[in-house]
């Protein structure tokens, strides 16, 4: 599973469970699998790449720079 396949899953996770927004990729690896968003544990690097894009979708949640 690559980052573009993970992106919709992460967006849905953030919209349904916003408390996961600040979790790291290694934490979300298990969350995505446990909640049924993926059928196997996804690669942490792929999750990190998808997180960068997904977090950019929610400007109100980004930290002020």
C-alpha atoms as a PDB file:
ATOM      1  CA  UNK A   1       0.000   0.000   0.000  1.00  0.00           C
ATOM      2  CA  UNK A   2       1.513   3.339  -1.021  1.00  0.00           C
ATOM      3  CA  UNK A   3       0.963   6.816   0.393  1.00  0.00           C
ATOM      4  CA  UNK A   4      -1.670   7.722  -2.235  1.00  0.00           C
ATOM      5  CA  UNK A   5      -3.724   4.718  -1.216  1.00  0.00           C
ATOM      6  CA  UNK A   6      -3.331   5.627   2.454  1.00  0.00           C
ATOM      7  CA  UNK A   7      -4.333   9.257   1.964  1.00  0.00           C
ATOM      8  CA  UNK A   8      -8.123   8.659   1.773  1.00  0.00           C
ATOM      9  CA  UNK A   9      -7.942   6.385   4.820  1.00  0.00           C
ATOM     10  CA  UNK A  10      -6.065   8.985   6.853  1.00  0.00           C
ATOM     11  CA  UNK A  11      -8.436  11.759   5.772  1.00  0.00           C
ATOM     12  CA  UNK A  12     -11.409   9.658   6.857  1.00  0.00           C
ATOM     13  CA  UNK A  13      -9.711   8.794  10.155  1.00  0.00           C
ATOM     14  CA  UNK A  14      -9.095  12.495  10.849  1.00  0.00           C
ATOM     15  CA  UNK A  15     -12.661  13.449   9.981  1.00  0.00           C
ATOM     16  CA  UNK A  16     -14.209  10.713  12.155  1.00  0.00           C
ATOM     17  CA  UNK A  17     -11.666  10.753  14.980  1.00  0.00           C
ATOM     18  CA  UNK A  18      -9.853  14.120  15.121  1.00  0.00           C
ATOM     19  CA  UNK A  19      -8.081  13.103  18.333  1.00  0.00           C
ATOM     20  CA  UNK A  20      -5.638  11.122  16.165  1.00  0.00           C
ATOM     21  CA  UNK A  21      -4.467  14.226  14.278  1.00  0.00           C
ATOM     22  CA  UNK A  22      -1.344  14.720  16.394  1.00  0.00           C
ATOM     23  CA  UNK A  23      -0.257  11.070  16.505  1.00  0.00           C
ATOM     24  CA  UNK A  24       2.986  10.042  14.852  1.00  0.00           C
ATOM     25  CA  UNK A  25       3.227   7.657  11.906  1.00  0.00           C
ATOM     26  CA  UNK A  26       4.382   4.735  14.047  1.00  0.00           C
ATOM     27  CA  UNK A  27       1.301   5.183  16.258  1.00  0.00           C
ATOM     28  CA  UNK A  28      -1.085   5.441  13.319  1.00  0.00           C
ATOM     29  CA  UNK A  29       0.356   2.291  11.766  1.00  0.00           C
ATOM     30  CA  UNK A  30      -1.457   0.181  14.354  1.00  0.00           C
ATOM     31  CA  UNK A  31      -4.538   2.441  14.522  1.00  0.00           C
ATOM     32  CA  UNK A  32      -5.175   2.176  10.773  1.00  0.00           C
ATOM     33  CA  UNK A  33      -4.843  -1.600  10.924  1.00  0.00           C
ATOM     34  CA  UNK A  34      -6.921  -2.043  14.092  1.00  0.00           C
ATOM     35  CA  UNK A  35      -9.788   0.129  12.859  1.00  0.00           C
ATOM     36  CA  UNK A  36      -9.912  -1.720   9.537  1.00  0.00           C
ATOM     37  CA  UNK A  37      -8.596   1.044   7.273  1.00  0.00           C
ATOM     38  CA  UNK A  38      -5.806  -1.258   6.039  1.00  0.00           C
ATOM     39  CA  UNK A  39      -5.624  -5.039   5.717  1.00  0.00           C
ATOM     40  CA  UNK A  40      -1.964  -5.224   6.755  1.00  0.00           C
ATOM     41  CA  UNK A  41       0.408  -3.013   8.674  1.00  0.00           C
ATOM     42  CA  UNK A  42       1.409  -0.204   6.333  1.00  0.00           C
ATOM     43  CA  UNK A  43       4.980   0.980   5.990  1.00  0.00           C
ATOM     44  CA  UNK A  44       5.790   3.830   8.376  1.00  0.00           C
ATOM     45  CA  UNK A  45       7.465   5.883   5.609  1.00  0.00           C
ATOM     46  CA  UNK A  46       4.343   5.629   3.449  1.00  0.00           C
ATOM     47  CA  UNK A  47       2.172   6.740   6.363  1.00  0.00           C
ATOM     48  CA  UNK A  48       4.498   9.699   6.987  1.00  0.00           C
ATOM     49  CA  UNK A  49       4.199  10.826   3.375  1.00  0.00           C
ATOM     50  CA  UNK A  50       0.404  10.589   3.485  1.00  0.00           C
ATOM     51  CA  UNK A  51       0.313  12.429   6.819  1.00  0.00           C
ATOM     52  CA  UNK A  52       2.128  15.435   5.373  1.00  0.00           C
ATOM     53  CA  UNK A  53      -0.494  15.782   2.652  1.00  0.00           C
ATOM     54  CA  UNK A  54      -3.467  15.059   4.913  1.00  0.00           C
ATOM     55  CA  UNK A  55      -2.368  17.523   7.568  1.00  0.00           C
ATOM     56  CA  UNK A  56      -2.095  20.209   4.908  1.00  0.00           C
ATOM     57  CA  UNK A  57      -5.805  19.684   4.169  1.00  0.00           C
ATOM     58  CA  UNK A  58      -6.775  21.061   7.568  1.00  0.00           C
ATOM     59  CA  UNK A  59      -5.220  24.541   7.841  1.00  0.00           C
ATOM     60  CA  UNK A  60      -7.165  25.311  11.015  1.00  0.00           C
ATOM     61  CA  UNK A  61      -5.322  22.428  12.735  1.00  0.00           C
ATOM     62  CA  UNK A  62      -1.824  23.439  11.659  1.00  0.00           C
ATOM     63  CA  UNK A  63       0.369  25.123  14.220  1.00  0.00           C
ATOM     64  CA  UNK A  64       0.886  28.833  13.726  1.00  0.00           C
ATOM     65  CA  UNK A  65       4.290  29.448  12.172  1.00  0.00           C
END
